Amino acid sequence: MQQESSAQMRKVLGVIGTSGSGKTTLLEFLIARLAARGLKVNVVKHSHHDLELEPPQKDSARLRMAGAAEVMVASPFRVAIIRELRGAPEPTLDEQLARLSPADLTLLEGFKSYPIDKLEVYRAEQGRPPLYPLDPHVVAVASDQPRPADLLPGTVWLDLNAPNEVLEWLLAHVEKKSMERA
């Protein structure tokens, strides 16, 4: 019997799309509205770039550069854990999700290759082909283009310029997945 991954057990939705498509703008809108409804939303943002999260002269950076495996910076306002990989492989999505506190929903920006439900943000003006025709895990597309005639059955087409429509779809999708899991 195969064990469910952390991503499968949690309410997780990937938000994918090419650079400049509007993923972060849509996520900002969705997170603000979900939080206003009292939902706790976690986000994991994947980056292919090196991250500089603190100025190099700060104590936490100096301790990390001295060799600490992880440095936690804590204040009355926020807590951050900075883990230096030092050549170790990037943690898997399941490992990353396991470190997060419980939430009503975890949204992922990026993680295109993971086999999880995804919402693609697509703008034809970006000049790049959409991802949904080649990814069976894309369950919905938010676009400023009309619905294509050859859209795969079961894939929802949403108006990117009507973010409340995307929000309502997201809430219904999360509820449907919760009922499937129960």
C-alpha atoms as a PDB file:
ATOM      1  CA  MET A   1       0.000   0.000   0.000  1.00  0.00           C
ATOM      2  CA  GLN A   2       1.412   3.359  -1.053  1.00  0.00           C
ATOM      3  CA  GLN A   3       1.614   6.020   1.644  1.00  0.00           C
ATOM      4  CA  GLU A   4       0.118   9.420   0.841  1.00  0.00           C
ATOM      5  CA  SER A   5       2.615  12.233   0.528  1.00  0.00           C
ATOM      6  CA  SER A   6       2.376  15.377   2.632  1.00  0.00           C
ATOM      7  CA  ALA A   7       1.216  17.266  -0.469  1.00  0.00           C
ATOM      8  CA  GLN A   8      -1.616  14.771  -1.004  1.00  0.00           C
ATOM      9  CA  MET A   9      -2.716  14.839   2.650  1.00  0.00           C
ATOM     10  CA  ARG A  10      -2.769  18.645   2.909  1.00  0.00           C
ATOM     11  CA  LYS A  11      -4.972  21.066   1.041  1.00  0.00           C
ATOM     12  CA  VAL A  12      -2.373  22.127  -1.520  1.00  0.00           C
ATOM     13  CA  LEU A  13      -2.755  23.879  -4.855  1.00  0.00           C
ATOM     14  CA  GLY A  14       0.069  24.820  -7.196  1.00  0.00           C
ATOM     15  CA  VAL A  15      -0.144  28.114  -9.053  1.00  0.00           C
ATOM     16  CA  ILE A  16       1.981  27.922 -12.175  1.00  0.00           C
ATOM     17  CA  GLY A  17       2.647  29.980 -15.263  1.00  0.00           C
ATOM     18  CA  THR A  18       5.452  31.620 -17.143  1.00  0.00           C
ATOM     19  CA  SER A  19       7.357  34.573 -15.725  1.00  0.00           C
ATOM     20  CA  GLY A  20       5.333  37.768 -15.975  1.00  0.00           C
ATOM     21  CA  SER A  21       1.963  36.022 -16.338  1.00  0.00           C
ATOM     22  CA  GLY A  22       0.557  37.492 -13.114  1.00  0.00           C
ATOM     23  CA  LYS A  23       0.910  34.600 -10.649  1.00  0.00           C
ATOM     24  CA  THR A  24       2.041  36.762  -7.743  1.00  0.00           C
ATOM     25  CA  THR A  25      -0.614  39.417  -8.386  1.00  0.00           C
ATOM     26  CA  LEU A  26      -3.342  36.762  -8.431  1.00  0.00           C
ATOM     27  CA  LEU A  27      -1.904  35.087  -5.319  1.00  0.00           C
ATOM     28  CA  GLU A  28      -1.864  38.408  -3.449  1.00  0.00           C
ATOM     29  CA  PHE A  29      -5.547  38.874  -4.236  1.00  0.00           C
ATOM     30  CA  LEU A  30      -6.499  35.308  -3.295  1.00  0.00           C
ATOM     31  CA  ILE A  31      -4.501  35.269  -0.060  1.00  0.00           C
ATOM     32  CA  ALA A  32      -5.922  38.614   1.078  1.00  0.00           C
ATOM     33  CA  ARG A  33      -9.506  37.456   0.453  1.00  0.00           C
ATOM     34  CA  LEU A  34      -8.964  34.045   2.040  1.00  0.00           C
ATOM     35  CA  ALA A  35      -7.324  35.609   5.109  1.00  0.00           C
ATOM     36  CA  ALA A  36     -10.194  38.109   5.359  1.00  0.00           C
ATOM     37  CA  ARG A  37     -12.537  35.098   5.582  1.00  0.00           C
ATOM     38  CA  GLY A  38     -10.526  33.830   8.543  1.00  0.00           C
ATOM     39  CA  LEU A  39      -8.661  31.093   6.672  1.00  0.00           C
ATOM     40  CA  LYS A  40      -5.032  30.357   7.438  1.00  0.00           C
ATOM     41  CA  VAL A  41      -3.072  30.202   4.183  1.00  0.00           C
ATOM     42  CA  ASN A  42       0.535  29.076   3.851  1.00  0.00           C
ATOM     43  CA  VAL A  43       2.598  29.793   0.750  1.00  0.00           C
ATOM     44  CA  VAL A  44       5.696  28.087  -0.588  1.00  0.00           C
ATOM     45  CA  LYS A  45       7.405  30.122  -3.309  1.00  0.00           C
ATOM     46  CA  HIS A  46       9.962  28.249  -5.370  1.00  0.00           C
ATOM     47  CA  SER A  47      12.907  30.173  -6.761  1.00  0.00           C
ATOM     48  CA  HIS A  48      15.730  29.116  -9.045  1.00  0.00           C
ATOM     49  CA  HIS A  49      17.844  32.020  -7.766  1.00  0.00           C
ATOM     50  CA  ASP A  50      20.148  32.305  -4.779  1.00  0.00           C
ATOM     51  CA  LEU A  51      18.273  33.956  -1.927  1.00  0.00           C
ATOM     52  CA  GLU A  52      19.747  36.713   0.167  1.00  0.00           C
ATOM     53  CA  LEU A  53      17.362  37.119   3.061  1.00  0.00           C
ATOM     54  CA  GLU A  54      19.471  39.263   5.335  1.00  0.00           C
ATOM     55  CA  PRO A  55      22.274  41.805   4.950  1.00  0.00           C
ATOM     56  CA  PRO A  56      25.662  40.043   5.222  1.00  0.00           C
ATOM     57  CA  GLN A  57      26.769  42.120   8.240  1.00  0.00           C
ATOM     58  CA  LYS A  58      23.750  41.153  10.403  1.00  0.00           C
ATOM     59  CA  ASP A  59      24.409  38.775  13.316  1.00  0.00           C
ATOM     60  CA  SER A  60      22.181  36.040  11.862  1.00  0.00           C
ATOM     61  CA  ALA A  61      24.051  36.102   8.537  1.00  0.00           C
ATOM     62  CA  ARG A  62      27.409  36.108  10.277  1.00  0.00           C
ATOM     63  CA  LEU A  63      26.407  33.063  12.354  1.00  0.00           C
ATOM     64  CA  ARG A  64      25.124  31.236   9.275  1.00  0.00           C
ATOM     65  CA  MET A  65      28.314  32.043   7.358  1.00  0.00           C
ATOM     66  CA  ALA A  66      30.361  30.827  10.337  1.00  0.00           C
ATOM     67  CA  GLY A  67      28.879  27.383   9.715  1.00  0.00           C
ATOM     68  CA  ALA A  68      25.514  27.117  11.474  1.00  0.00           C
ATOM     69  CA  ALA A  69      23.274  24.605   9.683  1.00  0.00           C
ATOM     70  CA  GLU A  70      20.165  26.639  10.512  1.00  0.00           C
ATOM     71  CA  VAL A  71      19.628  30.022  12.078  1.00  0.00           C
ATOM     72  CA  MET A  72      16.264  31.019  13.513  1.00  0.00           C
ATOM     73  CA  VAL A  73      15.613  34.719  13.831  1.00  0.00           C
ATOM     74  CA  ALA A  74      12.711  35.386  16.181  1.00  0.00           C
ATOM     75  CA  SER A  75      10.946  38.575  17.167  1.00  0.00           C
ATOM     76  CA  PRO A  76       7.515  39.516  18.492  1.00  0.00           C
ATOM     77  CA  PHE A  77       6.523  40.132  14.839  1.00  0.00           C
ATOM     78  CA  ARG A  78       7.824  37.130  12.886  1.00  0.00           C
ATOM     79  CA  VAL A  79      10.047  34.077  12.905  1.00  0.00           C
ATOM     80  CA  ALA A  80      12.327  32.994  10.076  1.00  0.00           C
ATOM     81  CA  ILE A  81      14.459  29.893   9.734  1.00  0.00           C
ATOM     82  CA  ILE A  82      17.336  30.105   7.317  1.00  0.00           C
ATOM     83  CA  ARG A  83      18.814  26.750   6.393  1.00  0.00           C
ATOM     84  CA  GLU A  84      22.060  26.645   4.489  1.00  0.00           C
ATOM     85  CA  LEU A  85      22.125  23.621   2.159  1.00  0.00           C
ATOM     86  CA  ARG A  86      25.901  23.641   1.671  1.00  0.00           C
ATOM     87  CA  GLY A  87      25.738  21.334  -1.330  1.00  0.00           C
ATOM     88  CA  ALA A  88      22.983  19.082   0.006  1.00  0.00           C
ATOM     89  CA  PRO A  89      20.068  18.475  -2.356  1.00  0.00           C
ATOM     90  CA  GLU A  90      17.150  20.866  -2.272  1.00  0.00           C
ATOM     91  CA  PRO A  91      14.484  19.519   0.100  1.00  0.00           C
ATOM     92  CA  THR A  92      11.584  17.801  -1.626  1.00  0.00           C
ATOM     93  CA  LEU A  93       8.198  19.443  -1.671  1.00  0.00           C
ATOM     94  CA  ASP A  94       6.969  16.968   0.947  1.00  0.00           C
ATOM     95  CA  GLU A  95       9.897  17.863   3.227  1.00  0.00           C
ATOM     96  CA  GLN A  96       9.184  21.556   2.793  1.00  0.00           C
ATOM     97  CA  LEU A  97       5.469  21.121   3.492  1.00  0.00           C
ATOM     98  CA  ALA A  98       6.223  19.071   6.613  1.00  0.00           C
ATOM     99  CA  ARG A  99       8.060  22.080   8.109  1.00  0.00           C
ATOM    100  CA  LEU A 100       5.051  24.366   7.782  1.00  0.00           C
ATOM    101  CA  SER A 101       2.475  24.800  10.485  1.00  0.00           C
ATOM    102  CA  PRO A 102      -1.023  23.451   9.756  1.00  0.00           C
ATOM    103  CA  ALA A 103      -3.171  25.633   7.515  1.00  0.00           C
ATOM    104  CA  ASP A 104      -6.543  25.608   5.816  1.00  0.00           C
ATOM    105  CA  LEU A 105      -4.761  25.813   2.465  1.00  0.00           C
ATOM    106  CA  THR A 106      -1.198  25.864   1.196  1.00  0.00           C
ATOM    107  CA  LEU A 107      -0.586  27.601  -2.107  1.00  0.00           C
ATOM    108  CA  LEU A 108       2.555  26.845  -4.061  1.00  0.00           C
ATOM    109  CA  GLU A 109       4.047  29.242  -6.569  1.00  0.00           C
ATOM    110  CA  GLY A 110       6.138  27.263  -8.990  1.00  0.00           C
ATOM    111  CA  PHE A 111       6.726  23.530  -8.547  1.00  0.00           C
ATOM    112  CA  LYS A 112       5.556  22.945 -12.130  1.00  0.00           C
ATOM    113  CA  SER A 113       6.802  19.364 -12.289  1.00  0.00           C
ATOM    114  CA  TYR A 114       5.103  18.065  -9.130  1.00  0.00           C
ATOM    115  CA  PRO A 115       2.023  15.816  -9.552  1.00  0.00           C
ATOM    116  CA  ILE A 116      -0.387  18.049  -7.633  1.00  0.00           C
ATOM    117  CA  ASP A 117      -3.498  19.953  -8.664  1.00  0.00           C
ATOM    118  CA  LYS A 118      -2.493  23.192 -10.357  1.00  0.00           C
ATOM    119  CA  LEU A 119      -4.034  26.460 -11.458  1.00  0.00           C
ATOM    120  CA  GLU A 120      -2.221  27.909 -14.446  1.00  0.00           C
ATOM    121  CA  VAL A 121      -2.093  31.665 -14.962  1.00  0.00           C
ATOM    122  CA  TYR A 122      -1.808  32.154 -18.713  1.00  0.00           C
ATOM    123  CA  ARG A 123      -1.459  35.289 -20.821  1.00  0.00           C
ATOM    124  CA  ALA A 124      -0.955  34.776 -24.567  1.00  0.00           C
ATOM    125  CA  GLU A 125       0.725  38.203 -24.793  1.00  0.00           C
ATOM    126  CA  GLN A 126       3.719  36.698 -22.983  1.00  0.00           C
ATOM    127  CA  GLY A 127       4.521  34.941 -26.257  1.00  0.00           C
ATOM    128  CA  ARG A 128       5.039  31.555 -24.623  1.00  0.00           C
ATOM    129  CA  PRO A 129       2.875  28.486 -25.048  1.00  0.00           C
ATOM    130  CA  PRO A 130       0.547  27.506 -22.217  1.00  0.00           C
ATOM    131  CA  LEU A 131       1.520  24.673 -19.894  1.00  0.00           C
ATOM    132  CA  TYR A 132      -1.929  23.089 -19.484  1.00  0.00           C
ATOM    133  CA  PRO A 133      -1.990  21.071 -22.739  1.00  0.00           C
ATOM    134  CA  LEU A 134       0.996  19.028 -21.554  1.00  0.00           C
ATOM    135  CA  ASP A 135       0.222  18.815 -17.823  1.00  0.00           C
ATOM    136  CA  PRO A 136      -2.693  16.598 -16.766  1.00  0.00           C
ATOM    137  CA  HIS A 137      -2.484  18.066 -13.238  1.00  0.00           C
ATOM    138  CA  VAL A 138      -3.638  21.512 -14.398  1.00  0.00           C
ATOM    139  CA  VAL A 139      -7.246  21.479 -13.204  1.00  0.00           C
ATOM    140  CA  ALA A 140      -7.967  25.131 -14.011  1.00  0.00           C
ATOM    141  CA  VAL A 141      -6.577  27.961 -16.116  1.00  0.00           C
ATOM    142  CA  ALA A 142      -7.004  31.651 -15.320  1.00  0.00           C
ATOM    143  CA  SER A 143      -6.475  33.583 -18.520  1.00  0.00           C
ATOM    144  CA  ASP A 144      -7.313  36.839 -20.244  1.00  0.00           C
ATOM    145  CA  GLN A 145      -8.020  34.846 -23.412  1.00  0.00           C
ATOM    146  CA  PRO A 146     -11.276  33.183 -24.471  1.00  0.00           C
ATOM    147  CA  ARG A 147     -11.731  29.495 -23.665  1.00  0.00           C
ATOM    148  CA  PRO A 148     -10.053  27.411 -26.392  1.00  0.00           C
ATOM    149  CA  ALA A 149     -12.181  24.880 -28.254  1.00  0.00           C
ATOM    150  CA  ASP A 150      -9.677  22.073 -27.647  1.00  0.00           C
ATOM    151  CA  LEU A 151      -9.518  22.452 -23.836  1.00  0.00           C
ATOM    152  CA  LEU A 152      -9.257  19.070 -22.149  1.00  0.00           C
ATOM    153  CA  PRO A 153     -12.523  17.882 -20.597  1.00  0.00           C
ATOM    154  CA  GLY A 154     -12.654  18.618 -16.883  1.00  0.00           C
ATOM    155  CA  THR A 155     -10.271  21.588 -17.076  1.00  0.00           C
ATOM    156  CA  VAL A 156     -11.937  24.754 -15.783  1.00  0.00           C
ATOM    157  CA  TRP A 157     -11.384  28.006 -17.710  1.00  0.00           C
ATOM    158  CA  LEU A 158     -11.484  31.163 -15.578  1.00  0.00           C
ATOM    159  CA  ASP A 159     -11.338  34.853 -16.408  1.00  0.00           C
ATOM    160  CA  LEU A 160      -8.077  36.233 -15.026  1.00  0.00           C
ATOM    161  CA  ASN A 161      -9.599  39.721 -15.139  1.00  0.00           C
ATOM    162  CA  ALA A 162     -12.370  38.574 -12.763  1.00  0.00           C
ATOM    163  CA  PRO A 163     -10.326  37.484  -9.734  1.00  0.00           C
ATOM    164  CA  ASN A 164     -13.455  36.963  -7.606  1.00  0.00           C
ATOM    165  CA  GLU A 165     -14.431  34.220 -10.070  1.00  0.00           C
ATOM    166  CA  VAL A 166     -11.024  32.592  -9.473  1.00  0.00           C
ATOM    167  CA  LEU A 167     -11.543  32.933  -5.700  1.00  0.00           C
ATOM    168  CA  GLU A 168     -14.961  31.253  -5.844  1.00  0.00           C
ATOM    169  CA  TRP A 169     -13.541  28.442  -7.971  1.00  0.00           C
ATOM    170  CA  LEU A 170     -10.673  27.994  -5.499  1.00  0.00           C
ATOM    171  CA  LEU A 171     -13.009  27.782  -2.509  1.00  0.00           C
ATOM    172  CA  ALA A 172     -15.221  25.243  -4.320  1.00  0.00           C
ATOM    173  CA  HIS A 173     -12.164  23.228  -5.415  1.00  0.00           C
ATOM    174  CA  VAL A 174     -10.770  23.065  -1.871  1.00  0.00           C
ATOM    175  CA  GLU A 175     -14.175  22.015  -0.528  1.00  0.00           C
ATOM    176  CA  LYS A 176     -14.539  19.329  -3.217  1.00  0.00           C
ATOM    177  CA  LYS A 177     -11.061  17.930  -2.458  1.00  0.00           C
ATOM    178  CA  SER A 178     -11.862  17.898   1.272  1.00  0.00           C
ATOM    179  CA  MET A 179     -15.013  15.904   0.643  1.00  0.00           C
ATOM    180  CA  GLU A 180     -13.126  13.453  -1.596  1.00  0.00           C
ATOM    181  CA  ARG A 181     -10.565  12.908   1.186  1.00  0.00           C
ATOM    182  CA  ALA A 182     -13.257  12.345   3.855  1.00  0.00           C
END
